[in-house]
Amino acid sequence: MSDVNGIAADRLRSFVERIERLEEERTALGADIREVYSEAKSVGFDTKILRQVVRLRKMDNADRQEQEELLTIYKEALGLG
């Protein structure tokens, strides 16, 4: 392993290359996700609502329930519900 000014260059290069590969994978995954949303839209699904559903499914049940209750309270306070 070669050191440059006290830095293990080979180890550093390894980290940088791994990060670069992961960034490329993330970009590819983002494109795949956009493609799925586009496909869903083409068959009539509302992608804004679909994104909300995906976000809600990531939440645990208690957090989701609390958020829904607060939304109901706020809507009622504004005369929307």
PDB file of N, CA and C in Angstrom:
ATOM      1  N   MET A   1       0.858  -1.174   0.000  1.00  0.00           N
ATOM      2  CA  MET A   1       0.000   0.000   0.000  1.00  0.00           C
ATOM      3  C   MET A   1       0.899   1.230   0.000  1.00  0.00           C
ATOM      4  N   SER A   2       0.635   2.150  -0.906  1.00  0.00           N
ATOM      5  CA  SER A   2       1.464   3.345  -0.990  1.00  0.00           C
ATOM      6  C   SER A   2       0.841   4.482  -0.197  1.00  0.00           C
ATOM      7  N   ASP A   3       1.695   5.183   0.524  1.00  0.00           N
ATOM      8  CA  ASP A   3       1.251   6.342   1.292  1.00  0.00           C
ATOM      9  C   ASP A   3       1.705   7.608   0.582  1.00  0.00           C
ATOM     10  N   VAL A   4       0.804   8.573   0.529  1.00  0.00           N
ATOM     11  CA  VAL A   4       1.134   9.884  -0.029  1.00  0.00           C
ATOM     12  C   VAL A   4       0.760  10.895   1.030  1.00  0.00           C
ATOM     13  N   ASN A   5       1.776  11.562   1.568  1.00  0.00           N
ATOM     14  CA  ASN A   5       1.572  12.533   2.639  1.00  0.00           C
ATOM     15  C   ASN A   5       0.769  11.933   3.792  1.00  0.00           C
ATOM     16  N   GLY A   6       1.048  10.687   4.118  1.00  0.00           N
ATOM     17  CA  GLY A   6       0.385  10.043   5.245  1.00  0.00           C
ATOM     18  C   GLY A   6      -0.986   9.468   4.919  1.00  0.00           C
ATOM     19  N   ILE A   7      -1.391   9.504   3.658  1.00  0.00           N
ATOM     20  CA  ILE A   7      -2.692   8.970   3.245  1.00  0.00           C
ATOM     21  C   ILE A   7      -2.463   7.673   2.480  1.00  0.00           C
ATOM     22  N   ALA A   8      -3.185   6.628   2.858  1.00  0.00           N
ATOM     23  CA  ALA A   8      -3.091   5.346   2.169  1.00  0.00           C
ATOM     24  C   ALA A   8      -3.824   5.488   0.830  1.00  0.00           C
ATOM     25  N   ALA A   9      -3.077   5.768  -0.220  1.00  0.00           N
ATOM     26  CA  ALA A   9      -3.648   6.085  -1.525  1.00  0.00           C
ATOM     27  C   ALA A   9      -4.494   4.944  -2.090  1.00  0.00           C
ATOM     28  N   ASP A  10      -4.024   3.715  -1.949  1.00  0.00           N
ATOM     29  CA  ASP A  10      -4.771   2.580  -2.487  1.00  0.00           C
ATOM     30  C   ASP A  10      -6.116   2.435  -1.784  1.00  0.00           C
ATOM     31  N   ARG A  11      -6.114   2.601  -0.481  1.00  0.00           N
ATOM     32  CA  ARG A  11      -7.351   2.492   0.296  1.00  0.00           C
ATOM     33  C   ARG A  11      -8.312   3.617  -0.078  1.00  0.00           C
ATOM     34  N   LEU A  12      -7.784   4.819  -0.215  1.00  0.00           N
ATOM     35  CA  LEU A  12      -8.588   5.968  -0.611  1.00  0.00           C
ATOM     36  C   LEU A  12      -9.196   5.744  -1.989  1.00  0.00           C
ATOM     37  N   ARG A  13      -8.386   5.283  -2.945  1.00  0.00           N
ATOM     38  CA  ARG A  13      -8.862   5.014  -4.298  1.00  0.00           C
ATOM     39  C   ARG A  13      -9.979   3.979  -4.270  1.00  0.00           C
ATOM     40  N   SER A  14      -9.831   2.964  -3.434  1.00  0.00           N
ATOM     41  CA  SER A  14     -10.845   1.921  -3.306  1.00  0.00           C
ATOM     42  C   SER A  14     -12.178   2.507  -2.846  1.00  0.00           C
ATOM     43  N   PHE A  15     -12.127   3.379  -1.840  1.00  0.00           N
ATOM     44  CA  PHE A  15     -13.354   4.023  -1.358  1.00  0.00           C
ATOM     45  C   PHE A  15     -14.000   4.877  -2.449  1.00  0.00           C
ATOM     46  N   VAL A  16     -13.190   5.668  -3.118  1.00  0.00           N
ATOM     47  CA  VAL A  16     -13.705   6.556  -4.163  1.00  0.00           C
ATOM     48  C   VAL A  16     -14.348   5.740  -5.283  1.00  0.00           C
ATOM     49  N   GLU A  17     -13.714   4.672  -5.704  1.00  0.00           N
ATOM     50  CA  GLU A  17     -14.248   3.847  -6.779  1.00  0.00           C
ATOM     51  C   GLU A  17     -15.549   3.169  -6.362  1.00  0.00           C
ATOM     52  N   ARG A  18     -15.629   2.717  -5.116  1.00  0.00           N
ATOM     53  CA  ARG A  18     -16.879   2.119  -4.626  1.00  0.00           C
ATOM     54  C   ARG A  18     -18.008   3.143  -4.611  1.00  0.00           C
ATOM     55  N   ILE A  19     -17.704   4.349  -4.146  1.00  0.00           N
ATOM     56  CA  ILE A  19     -18.704   5.414  -4.115  1.00  0.00           C
ATOM     57  C   ILE A  19     -19.166   5.736  -5.536  1.00  0.00           C
ATOM     58  N   GLU A  20     -18.239   5.808  -6.466  1.00  0.00           N
ATOM     59  CA  GLU A  20     -18.593   6.106  -7.855  1.00  0.00           C
ATOM     60  C   GLU A  20     -19.509   5.029  -8.440  1.00  0.00           C
ATOM     61  N   ARG A  21     -19.205   3.760  -8.169  1.00  0.00           N
ATOM     62  CA  ARG A  21     -20.061   2.669  -8.653  1.00  0.00           C
ATOM     63  C   ARG A  21     -21.461   2.762  -8.058  1.00  0.00           C
ATOM     64  N   LEU A  22     -21.534   3.046  -6.764  1.00  0.00           N
ATOM     65  CA  LEU A  22     -22.837   3.171  -6.111  1.00  0.00           C
ATOM     66  C   LEU A  22     -23.628   4.359  -6.655  1.00  0.00           C
ATOM     67  N   GLU A  23     -22.937   5.466  -6.936  1.00  0.00           N
ATOM     68  CA  GLU A  23     -23.599   6.633  -7.533  1.00  0.00           C
ATOM     69  C   GLU A  23     -24.178   6.273  -8.907  1.00  0.00           C
ATOM     70  N   GLU A  24     -23.428   5.503  -9.693  1.00  0.00           N
ATOM     71  CA  GLU A  24     -23.919   5.063 -10.996  1.00  0.00           C
ATOM     72  C   GLU A  24     -25.149   4.174 -10.837  1.00  0.00           C
ATOM     73  N   GLU A  25     -25.113   3.263  -9.856  1.00  0.00           N
ATOM     74  CA  GLU A  25     -26.255   2.395  -9.600  1.00  0.00           C
ATOM     75  C   GLU A  25     -27.474   3.210  -9.171  1.00  0.00           C
ATOM     76  N   ARG A  26     -27.243   4.216  -8.327  1.00  0.00           N
ATOM     77  CA  ARG A  26     -28.342   5.062  -7.868  1.00  0.00           C
ATOM     78  C   ARG A  26     -28.973   5.798  -9.053  1.00  0.00           C
ATOM     79  N   THR A  27     -28.142   6.295  -9.952  1.00  0.00           N
ATOM     80  CA  THR A  27     -28.655   6.979 -11.144  1.00  0.00           C
ATOM     81  C   THR A  27     -29.488   6.023 -11.985  1.00  0.00           C
ATOM     82  N   ALA A  28     -28.993   4.809 -12.170  1.00  0.00           N
ATOM     83  CA  ALA A  28     -29.732   3.810 -12.949  1.00  0.00           C
ATOM     84  C   ALA A  28     -31.045   3.453 -12.264  1.00  0.00           C
ATOM     85  N   LEU A  29     -31.024   3.311 -10.942  1.00  0.00           N
ATOM     86  CA  LEU A  29     -32.253   3.002 -10.209  1.00  0.00           C
ATOM     87  C   LEU A  29     -33.256   4.141 -10.312  1.00  0.00           C
ATOM     88  N   GLY A  30     -32.783   5.364 -10.253  1.00  0.00           N
ATOM     89  CA  GLY A  30     -33.662   6.519 -10.404  1.00  0.00           C
ATOM     90  C   GLY A  30     -34.358   6.505 -11.759  1.00  0.00           C
ATOM     91  N   ALA A  31     -33.614   6.159 -12.797  1.00  0.00           N
ATOM     92  CA  ALA A  31     -34.196   6.069 -14.135  1.00  0.00           C
ATOM     93  C   ALA A  31     -35.230   4.951 -14.185  1.00  0.00           C
ATOM     94  N   ASP A  32     -34.946   3.830 -13.546  1.00  0.00           N
ATOM     95  CA  ASP A  32     -35.893   2.714 -13.502  1.00  0.00           C
ATOM     96  C   ASP A  32     -37.172   3.108 -12.774  1.00  0.00           C
ATOM     97  N   ILE A  33     -37.032   3.827 -11.677  1.00  0.00           N
ATOM     98  CA  ILE A  33     -38.204   4.265 -10.904  1.00  0.00           C
ATOM     99  C   ILE A  33     -39.047   5.236 -11.735  1.00  0.00           C
ATOM    100  N   ARG A  34     -38.409   6.173 -12.403  1.00  0.00           N
ATOM    101  CA  ARG A  34     -39.140   7.108 -13.266  1.00  0.00           C
ATOM    102  C   ARG A  34     -39.890   6.354 -14.362  1.00  0.00           C
ATOM    103  N   GLU A  35     -39.276   5.320 -14.887  1.00  0.00           N
ATOM    104  CA  GLU A  35     -39.909   4.515 -15.935  1.00  0.00           C
ATOM    105  C   GLU A  35     -41.165   3.815 -15.409  1.00  0.00           C
ATOM    106  N   VAL A  36     -41.102   3.303 -14.179  1.00  0.00           N
ATOM    107  CA  VAL A  36     -42.271   2.645 -13.579  1.00  0.00           C
ATOM    108  C   VAL A  36     -43.390   3.655 -13.364  1.00  0.00           C
ATOM    109  N   TYR A  37     -43.063   4.854 -12.867  1.00  0.00           N
ATOM    110  CA  TYR A  37     -44.078   5.891 -12.697  1.00  0.00           C
ATOM    111  C   TYR A  37     -44.683   6.271 -14.046  1.00  0.00           C
ATOM    112  N   SER A  38     -43.868   6.369 -15.067  1.00  0.00           N
ATOM    113  CA  SER A  38     -44.360   6.691 -16.398  1.00  0.00           C
ATOM    114  C   SER A  38     -45.304   5.611 -16.913  1.00  0.00           C
ATOM    115  N   GLU A  39     -44.945   4.374 -16.682  1.00  0.00           N
ATOM    116  CA  GLU A  39     -45.805   3.257 -17.087  1.00  0.00           C
ATOM    117  C   GLU A  39     -47.135   3.301 -16.341  1.00  0.00           C
ATOM    118  N   ALA A  40     -47.080   3.582 -15.037  1.00  0.00           N
ATOM    119  CA  ALA A  40     -48.306   3.677 -14.239  1.00  0.00           C
ATOM    120  C   ALA A  40     -49.179   4.818 -14.760  1.00  0.00           C
ATOM    121  N   LYS A  41     -48.558   5.930 -15.110  1.00  0.00           N
ATOM    122  CA  LYS A  41     -49.307   7.078 -15.640  1.00  0.00           C
ATOM    123  C   LYS A  41     -49.962   6.719 -16.968  1.00  0.00           C
ATOM    124  N   SER A  42     -49.264   5.962 -17.796  1.00  0.00           N
ATOM    125  CA  SER A  42     -49.791   5.625 -19.117  1.00  0.00           C
ATOM    126  C   SER A  42     -51.029   4.730 -19.043  1.00  0.00           C
ATOM    127  N   VAL A  43     -51.224   4.047 -17.917  1.00  0.00           N
ATOM    128  CA  VAL A  43     -52.424   3.223 -17.770  1.00  0.00           C
ATOM    129  C   VAL A  43     -53.467   3.894 -16.886  1.00  0.00           C
ATOM    130  N   GLY A  44     -53.230   5.175 -16.576  1.00  0.00           N
ATOM    131  CA  GLY A  44     -54.261   5.962 -15.921  1.00  0.00           C
ATOM    132  C   GLY A  44     -54.092   6.257 -14.442  1.00  0.00           C
ATOM    133  N   PHE A  45     -53.001   5.850 -13.838  1.00  0.00           N
ATOM    134  CA  PHE A  45     -52.791   6.146 -12.420  1.00  0.00           C
ATOM    135  C   PHE A  45     -52.234   7.556 -12.256  1.00  0.00           C
ATOM    136  N   ASP A  46     -52.647   8.235 -11.186  1.00  0.00           N
ATOM    137  CA  ASP A  46     -52.157   9.565 -10.854  1.00  0.00           C
ATOM    138  C   ASP A  46     -50.821   9.403 -10.129  1.00  0.00           C
ATOM    139  N   THR A  47     -49.749   9.879 -10.744  1.00  0.00           N
ATOM    140  CA  THR A  47     -48.420   9.635 -10.176  1.00  0.00           C
ATOM    141  C   THR A  47     -48.164  10.417  -8.895  1.00  0.00           C
ATOM    142  N   LYS A  48     -48.801  11.574  -8.736  1.00  0.00           N
ATOM    143  CA  LYS A  48     -48.635  12.324  -7.477  1.00  0.00           C
ATOM    144  C   LYS A  48     -49.197  11.508  -6.318  1.00  0.00           C
ATOM    145  N   ILE A  49     -50.375  10.933  -6.531  1.00  0.00           N
ATOM    146  CA  ILE A  49     -50.990  10.118  -5.492  1.00  0.00           C
ATOM    147  C   ILE A  49     -50.183   8.840  -5.279  1.00  0.00           C
ATOM    148  N   LEU A  50     -49.704   8.263  -6.351  1.00  0.00           N
ATOM    149  CA  LEU A  50     -48.887   7.054  -6.250  1.00  0.00           C
ATOM    150  C   LEU A  50     -47.635   7.314  -5.417  1.00  0.00           C
ATOM    151  N   ARG A  51     -47.004   8.469  -5.619  1.00  0.00           N
ATOM    152  CA  ARG A  51     -45.816   8.829  -4.828  1.00  0.00           C
ATOM    153  C   ARG A  51     -46.178   8.992  -3.346  1.00  0.00           C
ATOM    154  N   GLN A  52     -47.353   9.571  -3.087  1.00  0.00           N
ATOM    155  CA  GLN A  52     -47.795   9.707  -1.697  1.00  0.00           C
ATOM    156  C   GLN A  52     -48.015   8.344  -1.056  1.00  0.00           C
ATOM    157  N   VAL A  53     -48.619   7.432  -1.808  1.00  0.00           N
ATOM    158  CA  VAL A  53     -48.859   6.083  -1.293  1.00  0.00           C
ATOM    159  C   VAL A  53     -47.530   5.398  -0.976  1.00  0.00           C
ATOM    160  N   VAL A  54     -46.561   5.519  -1.869  1.00  0.00           N
ATOM    161  CA  VAL A  54     -45.247   4.918  -1.629  1.00  0.00           C
ATOM    162  C   VAL A  54     -44.617   5.510  -0.369  1.00  0.00           C
ATOM    163  N   ARG A  55     -44.713   6.843  -0.218  1.00  0.00           N
ATOM    164  CA  ARG A  55     -44.155   7.501   0.971  1.00  0.00           C
ATOM    165  C   ARG A  55     -44.856   7.019   2.238  1.00  0.00           C
ATOM    166  N   LEU A  56     -46.192   6.917   2.174  1.00  0.00           N
ATOM    167  CA  LEU A  56     -46.952   6.462   3.350  1.00  0.00           C
ATOM    168  C   LEU A  56     -46.606   5.024   3.731  1.00  0.00           C
ATOM    169  N   ARG A  57     -46.384   4.181   2.742  1.00  0.00           N
ATOM    170  CA  ARG A  57     -46.055   2.777   3.025  1.00  0.00           C
ATOM    171  C   ARG A  57     -44.695   2.637   3.709  1.00  0.00           C
ATOM    172  N   LYS A  58     -43.818   3.622   3.532  1.00  0.00           N
ATOM    173  CA  LYS A  58     -42.514   3.585   4.184  1.00  0.00           C
ATOM    174  C   LYS A  58     -42.615   3.904   5.676  1.00  0.00           C
ATOM    175  N   MET A  59     -43.689   4.592   6.060  1.00  0.00           N
ATOM    176  CA  MET A  59     -43.855   5.022   7.447  1.00  0.00           C
ATOM    177  C   MET A  59     -44.387   3.865   8.292  1.00  0.00           C
ATOM    178  N   ASP A  60     -44.063   3.900   9.576  1.00  0.00           N
ATOM    179  CA  ASP A  60     -44.679   2.897  10.442  1.00  0.00           C
ATOM    180  C   ASP A  60     -46.119   3.316  10.725  1.00  0.00           C
ATOM    181  N   ASN A  61     -46.917   2.368  11.161  1.00  0.00           N
ATOM    182  CA  ASN A  61     -48.351   2.567  11.293  1.00  0.00           C
ATOM    183  C   ASN A  61     -48.697   3.733  12.227  1.00  0.00           C
ATOM    184  N   ALA A  62     -47.999   3.857  13.337  1.00  0.00           N
ATOM    185  CA  ALA A  62     -48.295   4.915  14.312  1.00  0.00           C
ATOM    186  C   ALA A  62     -48.026   6.298  13.711  1.00  0.00           C
ATOM    187  N   ASP A  63     -46.913   6.455  13.015  1.00  0.00           N
ATOM    188  CA  ASP A  63     -46.591   7.740  12.394  1.00  0.00           C
ATOM    189  C   ASP A  63     -47.600   8.083  11.302  1.00  0.00           C
ATOM    190  N   ARG A  64     -47.960   7.083  10.513  1.00  0.00           N
ATOM    191  CA  ARG A  64     -48.929   7.304   9.443  1.00  0.00           C
ATOM    192  C   ARG A  64     -50.285   7.725  10.018  1.00  0.00           C
ATOM    193  N   GLN A  65     -50.717   7.037  11.067  1.00  0.00           N
ATOM    194  CA  GLN A  65     -51.998   7.357  11.695  1.00  0.00           C
ATOM    195  C   GLN A  65     -51.985   8.767  12.286  1.00  0.00           C
ATOM    196  N   GLU A  66     -50.878   9.124  12.954  1.00  0.00           N
ATOM    197  CA  GLU A  66     -50.762  10.468  13.529  1.00  0.00           C
ATOM    198  C   GLU A  66     -50.828  11.528  12.432  1.00  0.00           C
ATOM    199  N   GLN A  67     -50.134  11.294  11.329  1.00  0.00           N
ATOM    200  CA  GLN A  67     -50.138  12.255  10.230  1.00  0.00           C
ATOM    201  C   GLN A  67     -51.540  12.396   9.632  1.00  0.00           C
ATOM    202  N   GLU A  68     -52.232  11.291   9.466  1.00  0.00           N
ATOM    203  CA  GLU A  68     -53.588  11.336   8.916  1.00  0.00           C
ATOM    204  C   GLU A  68     -54.539  12.077   9.855  1.00  0.00           C
ATOM    205  N   GLU A  69     -54.394  11.867  11.166  1.00  0.00           N
ATOM    206  CA  GLU A  69     -55.238  12.562  12.136  1.00  0.00           C
ATOM    207  C   GLU A  69     -54.974  14.064  12.119  1.00  0.00           C
ATOM    208  N   LEU A  70     -53.705  14.438  12.059  1.00  0.00           N
ATOM    209  CA  LEU A  70     -53.371  15.866  12.000  1.00  0.00           C
ATOM    210  C   LEU A  70     -53.898  16.507  10.723  1.00  0.00           C
ATOM    211  N   LEU A  71     -53.802  15.793   9.622  1.00  0.00           N
ATOM    212  CA  LEU A  71     -54.316  16.315   8.365  1.00  0.00           C
ATOM    213  C   LEU A  71     -55.819  16.542   8.462  1.00  0.00           C
ATOM    214  N   THR A  72     -56.522  15.600   9.058  1.00  0.00           N
ATOM    215  CA  THR A  72     -57.967  15.755   9.238  1.00  0.00           C
ATOM    216  C   THR A  72     -58.286  16.970  10.107  1.00  0.00           C
ATOM    217  N   ILE A  73     -57.555  17.145  11.195  1.00  0.00           N
ATOM    218  CA  ILE A  73     -57.767  18.293  12.084  1.00  0.00           C
ATOM    219  C   ILE A  73     -57.520  19.602  11.329  1.00  0.00           C
ATOM    220  N   TYR A  74     -56.438  19.673  10.594  1.00  0.00           N
ATOM    221  CA  TYR A  74     -56.098  20.894   9.860  1.00  0.00           C
ATOM    222  C   TYR A  74     -57.151  21.179   8.785  1.00  0.00           C
ATOM    223  N   LYS A  75     -57.582  20.151   8.072  1.00  0.00           N
ATOM    224  CA  LYS A  75     -58.602  20.345   7.039  1.00  0.00           C
ATOM    225  C   LYS A  75     -59.894  20.861   7.638  1.00  0.00           C
ATOM    226  N   GLU A  76     -60.298  20.288   8.774  1.00  0.00           N
ATOM    227  CA  GLU A  76     -61.520  20.725   9.436  1.00  0.00           C
ATOM    228  C   GLU A  76     -61.382  22.184   9.911  1.00  0.00           C
ATOM    229  N   ALA A  77     -60.216  22.531  10.439  1.00  0.00           N
ATOM    230  CA  ALA A  77     -59.992  23.901  10.913  1.00  0.00           C
ATOM    231  C   ALA A  77     -60.075  24.908   9.773  1.00  0.00           C
ATOM    232  N   LEU A  78     -59.733  24.469   8.568  1.00  0.00           N
ATOM    233  CA  LEU A  78     -59.760  25.359   7.407  1.00  0.00           C
ATOM    234  C   LEU A  78     -61.044  25.218   6.604  1.00  0.00           C
ATOM    235  N   GLY A  79     -61.973  24.399   7.100  1.00  0.00           N
ATOM    236  CA  GLY A  79     -63.243  24.210   6.399  1.00  0.00           C
ATOM    237  C   GLY A  79     -63.132  23.395   5.130  1.00  0.00           C
ATOM    238  N   LEU A  80     -62.138  22.534   5.067  1.00  0.00           N
ATOM    239  CA  LEU A  80     -61.931  21.713   3.875  1.00  0.00           C
ATOM    240  C   LEU A  80     -62.493  20.296   4.032  1.00  0.00           C
ATOM    241  N   GLY A  81     -62.846  19.931   5.234  1.00  0.00           N
ATOM    242  CA  GLY A  81     -63.235  18.544   5.422  1.00  0.00           C
ATOM    243  C   GLY A  81     -64.600  18.407   5.928  1.00  0.00           C
TER     244      GLY A  81
END
